[in-house]
Amino acid sequence: MAKKSVTARQSKRERMVAQYAEKRAALKAAGDYAALDELPKNASPVRLKNRCQLTGRPKGYMRYFGISRVMFRDMALNGKIPGVKKASW
């Protein structure tokens, strides 16, 4: 499980990206790179990291489900993800 400070920092970045998205798009379309440089660095979507919604784990993230591979396996084995079952042949 990720530290609470790390997940809090990530959520703060997500809010900031959403707040400045429209302004960033307008400045980028206008080609005003000096004004883009004045925006906060955390307002850039590049600084976001995909993290597990349940644990905050940054590695092994499955985009389709929004969780890490560890939580995916645990939930799939417990039958908490509809339509997913362990393969056997």
PDB file of N, CA and C in Angstrom:
ATOM      1  N   MET A   1       0.847  -1.175   0.000  1.00  0.00           N
ATOM      2  CA  MET A   1       0.000   0.000   0.000  1.00  0.00           C
ATOM      3  C   MET A   1       0.893   1.238   0.000  1.00  0.00           C
ATOM      4  N   ALA A   2       0.554   2.173  -0.873  1.00  0.00           N
ATOM      5  CA  ALA A   2       1.335   3.402  -0.963  1.00  0.00           C
ATOM      6  C   ALA A   2       1.074   4.285   0.257  1.00  0.00           C
ATOM      7  N   LYS A   3       2.052   5.126   0.572  1.00  0.00           N
ATOM      8  CA  LYS A   3       1.891   6.052   1.681  1.00  0.00           C
ATOM      9  C   LYS A   3       0.777   7.051   1.359  1.00  0.00           C
ATOM     10  N   LYS A   4       0.104   7.494   2.399  1.00  0.00           N
ATOM     11  CA  LYS A   4      -0.999   8.433   2.198  1.00  0.00           C
ATOM     12  C   LYS A   4      -0.526   9.745   1.594  1.00  0.00           C
ATOM     13  N   SER A   5       0.694  10.138   1.907  1.00  0.00           N
ATOM     14  CA  SER A   5       1.212  11.395   1.365  1.00  0.00           C
ATOM     15  C   SER A   5       1.395  11.301  -0.147  1.00  0.00           C
ATOM     16  N   VAL A   6       1.772  10.129  -0.630  1.00  0.00           N
ATOM     17  CA  VAL A   6       1.980   9.944  -2.072  1.00  0.00           C
ATOM     18  C   VAL A   6       0.649   9.983  -2.810  1.00  0.00           C
ATOM     19  N   THR A   7      -0.349   9.300  -2.279  1.00  0.00           N
ATOM     20  CA  THR A   7      -1.663   9.315  -2.924  1.00  0.00           C
ATOM     21  C   THR A   7      -2.304  10.694  -2.831  1.00  0.00           C
ATOM     22  N   ALA A   8      -2.063  11.411  -1.733  1.00  0.00           N
ATOM     23  CA  ALA A   8      -2.592  12.773  -1.591  1.00  0.00           C
ATOM     24  C   ALA A   8      -1.943  13.707  -2.610  1.00  0.00           C
ATOM     25  N   ARG A   9      -0.644  13.540  -2.817  1.00  0.00           N
ATOM     26  CA  ARG A   9       0.071  14.348  -3.798  1.00  0.00           C
ATOM     27  C   ARG A   9      -0.469  14.089  -5.205  1.00  0.00           C
ATOM     28  N   GLN A  10      -0.746  12.823  -5.499  1.00  0.00           N
ATOM     29  CA  GLN A  10      -1.277  12.448  -6.808  1.00  0.00           C
ATOM     30  C   GLN A  10      -2.667  13.055  -7.023  1.00  0.00           C
ATOM     31  N   SER A  11      -3.522  12.981  -6.015  1.00  0.00           N
ATOM     32  CA  SER A  11      -4.869  13.548  -6.155  1.00  0.00           C
ATOM     33  C   SER A  11      -4.810  15.070  -6.295  1.00  0.00           C
ATOM     34  N   LYS A  12      -3.851  15.704  -5.632  1.00  0.00           N
ATOM     35  CA  LYS A  12      -3.673  17.149  -5.761  1.00  0.00           C
ATOM     36  C   LYS A  12      -3.270  17.503  -7.197  1.00  0.00           C
ATOM     37  N   ARG A  13      -2.382  16.703  -7.774  1.00  0.00           N
ATOM     38  CA  ARG A  13      -1.977  16.920  -9.163  1.00  0.00           C
ATOM     39  C   ARG A  13      -3.158  16.733 -10.110  1.00  0.00           C
ATOM     40  N   GLU A  14      -3.984  15.719  -9.861  1.00  0.00           N
ATOM     41  CA  GLU A  14      -5.147  15.474 -10.721  1.00  0.00           C
ATOM     42  C   GLU A  14      -6.109  16.652 -10.695  1.00  0.00           C
ATOM     43  N   ARG A  15      -6.336  17.211  -9.492  1.00  0.00           N
ATOM     44  CA  ARG A  15      -7.207  18.383  -9.392  1.00  0.00           C
ATOM     45  C   ARG A  15      -6.621  19.575 -10.139  1.00  0.00           C
ATOM     46  N   MET A  16      -5.307  19.764 -10.027  1.00  0.00           N
ATOM     47  CA  MET A  16      -4.653  20.897 -10.673  1.00  0.00           C
ATOM     48  C   MET A  16      -4.676  20.758 -12.189  1.00  0.00           C
ATOM     49  N   VAL A  17      -4.479  19.543 -12.690  1.00  0.00           N
ATOM     50  CA  VAL A  17      -4.534  19.305 -14.141  1.00  0.00           C
ATOM     51  C   VAL A  17      -5.921  19.635 -14.660  1.00  0.00           C
ATOM     52  N   ALA A  18      -6.962  19.207 -13.934  1.00  0.00           N
ATOM     53  CA  ALA A  18      -8.334  19.493 -14.345  1.00  0.00           C
ATOM     54  C   ALA A  18      -8.625  20.999 -14.297  1.00  0.00           C
ATOM     55  N   GLN A  19      -8.089  21.670 -13.301  1.00  0.00           N
ATOM     56  CA  GLN A  19      -8.325  23.107 -13.131  1.00  0.00           C
ATOM     57  C   GLN A  19      -7.724  23.910 -14.283  1.00  0.00           C
ATOM     58  N   TYR A  20      -6.523  23.547 -14.711  1.00  0.00           N
ATOM     59  CA  TYR A  20      -5.814  24.318 -15.735  1.00  0.00           C
ATOM     60  C   TYR A  20      -5.944  23.745 -17.143  1.00  0.00           C
ATOM     61  N   ALA A  21      -6.733  22.697 -17.346  1.00  0.00           N
ATOM     62  CA  ALA A  21      -6.806  22.032 -18.647  1.00  0.00           C
ATOM     63  C   ALA A  21      -7.283  22.971 -19.752  1.00  0.00           C
ATOM     64  N   GLU A  22      -8.337  23.708 -19.487  1.00  0.00           N
ATOM     65  CA  GLU A  22      -8.900  24.601 -20.507  1.00  0.00           C
ATOM     66  C   GLU A  22      -7.929  25.731 -20.839  1.00  0.00           C
ATOM     67  N   LYS A  23      -7.344  26.327 -19.815  1.00  0.00           N
ATOM     68  CA  LYS A  23      -6.394  27.422 -20.021  1.00  0.00           C
ATOM     69  C   LYS A  23      -5.160  26.928 -20.774  1.00  0.00           C
ATOM     70  N   ARG A  24      -4.681  25.733 -20.408  1.00  0.00           N
ATOM     71  CA  ARG A  24      -3.515  25.143 -21.057  1.00  0.00           C
ATOM     72  C   ARG A  24      -3.792  24.895 -22.544  1.00  0.00           C
ATOM     73  N   ALA A  25      -4.977  24.370 -22.850  1.00  0.00           N
ATOM     74  CA  ALA A  25      -5.337  24.093 -24.241  1.00  0.00           C
ATOM     75  C   ALA A  25      -5.407  25.382 -25.059  1.00  0.00           C
ATOM     76  N   ALA A  26      -5.972  26.442 -24.459  1.00  0.00           N
ATOM     77  CA  ALA A  26      -6.084  27.723 -25.167  1.00  0.00           C
ATOM     78  C   ALA A  26      -4.707  28.319 -25.437  1.00  0.00           C
ATOM     79  N   LEU A  27      -3.826  28.272 -24.443  1.00  0.00           N
ATOM     80  CA  LEU A  27      -2.475  28.820 -24.620  1.00  0.00           C
ATOM     81  C   LEU A  27      -1.683  28.014 -25.645  1.00  0.00           C
ATOM     82  N   LYS A  28      -1.878  26.705 -25.636  1.00  0.00           N
ATOM     83  CA  LYS A  28      -1.162  25.850 -26.572  1.00  0.00           C
ATOM     84  C   LYS A  28      -1.628  26.101 -28.000  1.00  0.00           C
ATOM     85  N   ALA A  29      -2.949  26.290 -28.167  1.00  0.00           N
ATOM     86  CA  ALA A  29      -3.504  26.565 -29.493  1.00  0.00           C
ATOM     87  C   ALA A  29      -3.018  27.920 -30.014  1.00  0.00           C
ATOM     88  N   ALA A  30      -2.862  28.875 -29.105  1.00  0.00           N
ATOM     89  CA  ALA A  30      -2.394  30.206 -29.493  1.00  0.00           C
ATOM     90  C   ALA A  30      -0.883  30.220 -29.729  1.00  0.00           C
ATOM     91  N   GLY A  31      -0.196  29.208 -29.262  1.00  0.00           N
ATOM     92  CA  GLY A  31       1.260  29.150 -29.429  1.00  0.00           C
ATOM     93  C   GLY A  31       2.010  30.031 -28.451  1.00  0.00           C
ATOM     94  N   ASP A  32       1.371  30.374 -27.350  1.00  0.00           N
ATOM     95  CA  ASP A  32       1.983  31.246 -26.341  1.00  0.00           C
ATOM     96  C   ASP A  32       2.746  30.392 -25.322  1.00  0.00           C
ATOM     97  N   TYR A  33       3.952  30.007 -25.701  1.00  0.00           N
ATOM     98  CA  TYR A  33       4.734  29.098 -24.856  1.00  0.00           C
ATOM     99  C   TYR A  33       5.325  29.794 -23.636  1.00  0.00           C
ATOM    100  N   ALA A  34       5.468  31.095 -23.684  1.00  0.00           N
ATOM    101  CA  ALA A  34       5.961  31.834 -22.520  1.00  0.00           C
ATOM    102  C   ALA A  34       4.919  31.799 -21.403  1.00  0.00           C
ATOM    103  N   ALA A  35       3.651  31.964 -21.774  1.00  0.00           N
ATOM    104  CA  ALA A  35       2.578  31.904 -20.780  1.00  0.00           C
ATOM    105  C   ALA A  35       2.395  30.478 -20.265  1.00  0.00           C
ATOM    106  N   LEU A  36       2.600  29.495 -21.130  1.00  0.00           N
ATOM    107  CA  LEU A  36       2.521  28.093 -20.702  1.00  0.00           C
ATOM    108  C   LEU A  36       3.574  27.798 -19.650  1.00  0.00           C
ATOM    109  N   ASP A  37       4.719  28.416 -19.807  1.00  0.00           N
ATOM    110  CA  ASP A  37       5.820  28.210 -18.879  1.00  0.00           C
ATOM    111  C   ASP A  37       5.519  28.802 -17.503  1.00  0.00           C
ATOM    112  N   GLU A  38       4.619  29.783 -17.473  1.00  0.00           N
ATOM    113  CA  GLU A  38       4.269  30.428 -16.208  1.00  0.00           C
ATOM    114  C   GLU A  38       3.270  29.612 -15.384  1.00  0.00           C
ATOM    115  N   LEU A  39       2.592  28.651 -16.017  1.00  0.00           N
ATOM    116  CA  LEU A  39       1.636  27.816 -15.283  1.00  0.00           C
ATOM    117  C   LEU A  39       2.384  26.930 -14.290  1.00  0.00           C
ATOM    118  N   PRO A  40       1.697  26.475 -13.239  1.00  0.00           N
ATOM    119  CA  PRO A  40       2.357  25.580 -12.280  1.00  0.00           C
ATOM    120  C   PRO A  40       2.802  24.281 -12.963  1.00  0.00           C
ATOM    121  N   LYS A  41       3.925  23.753 -12.528  1.00  0.00           N
ATOM    122  CA  LYS A  41       4.464  22.539 -13.151  1.00  0.00           C
ATOM    123  C   LYS A  41       3.531  21.349 -12.947  1.00  0.00           C
ATOM    124  N   ASN A  42       2.850  21.293 -11.812  1.00  0.00           N
ATOM    125  CA  ASN A  42       1.940  20.177 -11.553  1.00  0.00           C
ATOM    126  C   ASN A  42       0.642  20.278 -12.335  1.00  0.00           C
ATOM    127  N   ALA A  43       0.455  21.341 -13.101  1.00  0.00           N
ATOM    128  CA  ALA A  43      -0.730  21.474 -13.937  1.00  0.00           C
ATOM    129  C   ALA A  43      -0.558  20.739 -15.264  1.00  0.00           C
ATOM    130  N   SER A  44       0.629  20.215 -15.505  1.00  0.00           N
ATOM    131  CA  SER A  44       0.899  19.475 -16.730  1.00  0.00           C
ATOM    132  C   SER A  44       0.439  18.028 -16.589  1.00  0.00           C
ATOM    133  N   PRO A  45      -0.330  17.511 -17.559  1.00  0.00           N
ATOM    134  CA  PRO A  45      -0.804  16.130 -17.459  1.00  0.00           C
ATOM    135  C   PRO A  45       0.323  15.096 -17.530  1.00  0.00           C
ATOM    136  N   VAL A  46       1.487  15.496 -17.996  1.00  0.00           N
ATOM    137  CA  VAL A  46       2.621  14.579 -18.091  1.00  0.00           C
ATOM    138  C   VAL A  46       3.099  14.144 -16.705  1.00  0.00           C
ATOM    139  N   ARG A  47       2.852  14.970 -15.707  1.00  0.00           N
ATOM    140  CA  ARG A  47       3.339  14.668 -14.358  1.00  0.00           C
ATOM    141  C   ARG A  47       2.441  13.686 -13.601  1.00  0.00           C
ATOM    142  N   LEU A  48       1.304  13.317 -14.200  1.00  0.00           N
ATOM    143  CA  LEU A  48       0.426  12.339 -13.561  1.00  0.00           C
ATOM    144  C   LEU A  48       0.991  10.936 -13.735  1.00  0.00           C
ATOM    145  N   LYS A  49       0.748  10.097 -12.765  1.00  0.00           N
ATOM    146  CA  LYS A  49       1.190   8.699 -12.801  1.00  0.00           C
ATOM    147  C   LYS A  49      -0.032   7.819 -12.573  1.00  0.00           C
ATOM    148  N   ASN A  50      -0.192   6.794 -13.413  1.00  0.00           N
ATOM    149  CA  ASN A  50      -1.296   5.861 -13.205  1.00  0.00           C
ATOM    150  C   ASN A  50      -1.053   5.070 -11.923  1.00  0.00           C
ATOM    151  N   ARG A  51      -2.038   5.087 -11.036  1.00  0.00           N
ATOM    152  CA  ARG A  51      -1.919   4.374  -9.766  1.00  0.00           C
ATOM    153  C   ARG A  51      -3.182   3.561  -9.521  1.00  0.00           C
ATOM    154  N   CYS A  52      -3.020   2.476  -8.784  1.00  0.00           N
ATOM    155  CA  CYS A  52      -4.141   1.612  -8.407  1.00  0.00           C
ATOM    156  C   CYS A  52      -5.140   2.422  -7.573  1.00  0.00           C
ATOM    157  N   GLN A  53      -6.425   2.277  -7.899  1.00  0.00           N
ATOM    158  CA  GLN A  53      -7.458   3.005  -7.163  1.00  0.00           C
ATOM    159  C   GLN A  53      -7.593   2.520  -5.728  1.00  0.00           C
ATOM    160  N   LEU A  54      -7.250   1.263  -5.482  1.00  0.00           N
ATOM    161  CA  LEU A  54      -7.443   0.685  -4.157  1.00  0.00           C
ATOM    162  C   LEU A  54      -6.230   0.843  -3.252  1.00  0.00           C
ATOM    163  N   THR A  55      -5.029   0.619  -3.803  1.00  0.00           N
ATOM    164  CA  THR A  55      -3.832   0.617  -2.962  1.00  0.00           C
ATOM    165  C   THR A  55      -2.876   1.758  -3.243  1.00  0.00           C
ATOM    166  N   GLY A  56      -2.966   2.366  -4.422  1.00  0.00           N
ATOM    167  CA  GLY A  56      -2.046   3.435  -4.783  1.00  0.00           C
ATOM    168  C   GLY A  56      -0.754   2.922  -5.391  1.00  0.00           C
ATOM    169  N   ARG A  57      -0.672   1.614  -5.659  1.00  0.00           N
ATOM    170  CA  ARG A  57       0.535   1.021  -6.235  1.00  0.00           C
ATOM    171  C   ARG A  57       0.781   1.580  -7.633  1.00  0.00           C
ATOM    172  N   PRO A  58       2.006   2.069  -7.915  1.00  0.00           N
ATOM    173  CA  PRO A  58       2.282   2.670  -9.217  1.00  0.00           C
ATOM    174  C   PRO A  58       2.695   1.671 -10.296  1.00  0.00           C
ATOM    175  N   LYS A  59       3.144   0.496  -9.904  1.00  0.00           N
ATOM    176  CA  LYS A  59       3.625  -0.481 -10.886  1.00  0.00           C
ATOM    177  C   LYS A  59       2.581  -1.565 -11.109  1.00  0.00           C
ATOM    178  N   GLY A  60       2.586  -2.147 -12.291  1.00  0.00           N
ATOM    179  CA  GLY A  60       1.660  -3.219 -12.608  1.00  0.00           C
ATOM    180  C   GLY A  60       0.225  -2.731 -12.741  1.00  0.00           C
ATOM    181  N   TYR A  61       0.038  -1.518 -13.236  1.00  0.00           N
ATOM    182  CA  TYR A  61      -1.282  -0.900 -13.355  1.00  0.00           C
ATOM    183  C   TYR A  61      -1.991  -1.431 -14.596  1.00  0.00           C
ATOM    184  N   MET A  62      -3.235  -1.865 -14.442  1.00  0.00           N
ATOM    185  CA  MET A  62      -4.051  -2.319 -15.563  1.00  0.00           C
ATOM    186  C   MET A  62      -5.059  -1.224 -15.881  1.00  0.00           C
ATOM    187  N   ARG A  63      -4.843  -0.549 -17.003  1.00  0.00           N
ATOM    188  CA  ARG A  63      -5.627   0.628 -17.351  1.00  0.00           C
ATOM    189  C   ARG A  63      -7.116   0.334 -17.488  1.00  0.00           C
ATOM    190  N   TYR A  64      -7.451  -0.800 -18.077  1.00  0.00           N
ATOM    191  CA  TYR A  64      -8.849  -1.145 -18.326  1.00  0.00           C
ATOM    192  C   TYR A  64      -9.649  -1.237 -17.027  1.00  0.00           C
ATOM    193  N   PHE A  65      -9.026  -1.748 -15.983  1.00  0.00           N
ATOM    194  CA  PHE A  65      -9.705  -1.925 -14.702  1.00  0.00           C
ATOM    195  C   PHE A  65      -9.383  -0.821 -13.702  1.00  0.00           C
ATOM    196  N   GLY A  66      -8.281  -0.122 -13.881  1.00  0.00           N
ATOM    197  CA  GLY A  66      -7.900   0.959 -12.974  1.00  0.00           C
ATOM    198  C   GLY A  66      -7.280   0.487 -11.676  1.00  0.00           C
ATOM    199  N   ILE A  67      -6.828  -0.767 -11.667  1.00  0.00           N
ATOM    200  CA  ILE A  67      -6.216  -1.325 -10.463  1.00  0.00           C
ATOM    201  C   ILE A  67      -4.914  -2.033 -10.837  1.00  0.00           C
ATOM    202  N   SER A  68      -4.124  -2.368  -9.820  1.00  0.00           N
ATOM    203  CA  SER A  68      -2.852  -3.044 -10.064  1.00  0.00           C
ATOM    204  C   SER A  68      -3.094  -4.532 -10.313  1.00  0.00           C
ATOM    205  N   ARG A  69      -2.083  -5.189 -10.842  1.00  0.00           N
ATOM    206  CA  ARG A  69      -2.187  -6.615 -11.157  1.00  0.00           C
ATOM    207  C   ARG A  69      -2.413  -7.451  -9.903  1.00  0.00           C
ATOM    208  N   VAL A  70      -1.854  -7.009  -8.776  1.00  0.00           N
ATOM    209  CA  VAL A  70      -1.996  -7.741  -7.527  1.00  0.00           C
ATOM    210  C   VAL A  70      -3.459  -7.719  -7.070  1.00  0.00           C
ATOM    211  N   MET A  71      -4.068  -6.539  -7.077  1.00  0.00           N
ATOM    212  CA  MET A  71      -5.463  -6.415  -6.663  1.00  0.00           C
ATOM    213  C   MET A  71      -6.385  -7.072  -7.682  1.00  0.00           C
ATOM    214  N   PHE A  72      -6.027  -7.002  -8.954  1.00  0.00           N
ATOM    215  CA  PHE A  72      -6.830  -7.654  -9.994  1.00  0.00           C
ATOM    216  C   PHE A  72      -6.896  -9.152  -9.751  1.00  0.00           C
ATOM    217  N   ARG A  73      -5.752  -9.742  -9.474  1.00  0.00           N
ATOM    218  CA  ARG A  73      -5.706 -11.189  -9.240  1.00  0.00           C
ATOM    219  C   ARG A  73      -6.510 -11.564  -8.002  1.00  0.00           C
ATOM    220  N   ASP A  74      -6.358 -10.790  -6.947  1.00  0.00           N
ATOM    221  CA  ASP A  74      -7.079 -11.054  -5.708  1.00  0.00           C
ATOM    222  C   ASP A  74      -8.592 -10.948  -5.914  1.00  0.00           C
ATOM    223  N   MET A  75      -9.019  -9.909  -6.592  1.00  0.00           N
ATOM    224  CA  MET A  75     -10.449  -9.704  -6.821  1.00  0.00           C
ATOM    225  C   MET A  75     -11.019 -10.740  -7.783  1.00  0.00           C
ATOM    226  N   ALA A  76     -10.239 -11.118  -8.803  1.00  0.00           N
ATOM    227  CA  ALA A  76     -10.703 -12.117  -9.766  1.00  0.00           C
ATOM    228  C   ALA A  76     -10.875 -13.479  -9.093  1.00  0.00           C
ATOM    229  N   LEU A  77      -9.940 -13.856  -8.234  1.00  0.00           N
ATOM    230  CA  LEU A  77     -10.035 -15.145  -7.542  1.00  0.00           C
ATOM    231  C   LEU A  77     -11.209 -15.178  -6.566  1.00  0.00           C
ATOM    232  N   ASN A  78     -11.564 -14.023  -6.003  1.00  0.00           N
ATOM    233  CA  ASN A  78     -12.706 -13.944  -5.088  1.00  0.00           C
ATOM    234  C   ASN A  78     -14.029 -13.720  -5.812  1.00  0.00           C
ATOM    235  N   GLY A  79     -13.985 -13.606  -7.147  1.00  0.00           N
ATOM    236  CA  GLY A  79     -15.205 -13.436  -7.935  1.00  0.00           C
ATOM    237  C   GLY A  79     -15.793 -12.051  -7.865  1.00  0.00           C
ATOM    238  N   LYS A  80     -14.980 -11.048  -7.603  1.00  0.00           N
ATOM    239  CA  LYS A  80     -15.486  -9.679  -7.463  1.00  0.00           C
ATOM    240  C   LYS A  80     -15.467  -8.898  -8.776  1.00  0.00           C
ATOM    241  N   ILE A  81     -14.866  -9.480  -9.820  1.00  0.00           N
ATOM    242  CA  ILE A  81     -14.852  -8.832 -11.126  1.00  0.00           C
ATOM    243  C   ILE A  81     -15.711  -9.687 -12.061  1.00  0.00           C
ATOM    244  N   PRO A  82     -16.854  -9.179 -12.487  1.00  0.00           N
ATOM    245  CA  PRO A  82     -17.759  -9.967 -13.329  1.00  0.00           C
ATOM    246  C   PRO A  82     -17.109 -10.350 -14.666  1.00  0.00           C
ATOM    247  N   GLY A  83     -17.298 -11.589 -15.058  1.00  0.00           N
ATOM    248  CA  GLY A  83     -16.821 -12.058 -16.354  1.00  0.00           C
ATOM    249  C   GLY A  83     -15.370 -12.472 -16.364  1.00  0.00           C
ATOM    250  N   VAL A  84     -14.661 -12.384 -15.248  1.00  0.00           N
ATOM    251  CA  VAL A  84     -13.251 -12.748 -15.198  1.00  0.00           C
ATOM    252  C   VAL A  84     -13.131 -14.005 -14.345  1.00  0.00           C
ATOM    253  N   LYS A  85     -12.473 -15.018 -14.897  1.00  0.00           N
ATOM    254  CA  LYS A  85     -12.231 -16.223 -14.114  1.00  0.00           C
ATOM    255  C   LYS A  85     -10.858 -16.757 -14.442  1.00  0.00           C
ATOM    256  N   LYS A  86     -10.333 -17.573 -13.573  1.00  0.00           N
ATOM    257  CA  LYS A  86      -8.997 -18.130 -13.734  1.00  0.00           C
ATOM    258  C   LYS A  86      -9.007 -19.127 -14.886  1.00  0.00           C
ATOM    259  N   ALA A  87      -8.013 -19.028 -15.727  1.00  0.00           N
ATOM    260  CA  ALA A  87      -7.934 -19.937 -16.876  1.00  0.00           C
ATOM    261  C   ALA A  87      -7.541 -21.330 -16.420  1.00  0.00           C
ATOM    262  N   SER A  88      -8.115 -22.330 -17.053  1.00  0.00           N
ATOM    263  CA  SER A  88      -7.716 -23.712 -16.799  1.00  0.00           C
ATOM    264  C   SER A  88      -7.928 -24.511 -18.076  1.00  0.00           C
ATOM    265  N   TRP A  89      -7.000 -25.402 -18.383  1.00  0.00           N
ATOM    266  CA  TRP A  89      -7.116 -26.214 -19.589  1.00  0.00           C
ATOM    267  C   TRP A  89      -6.519 -27.567 -19.377  1.00  0.00           C
TER     268      TRP A  89
END
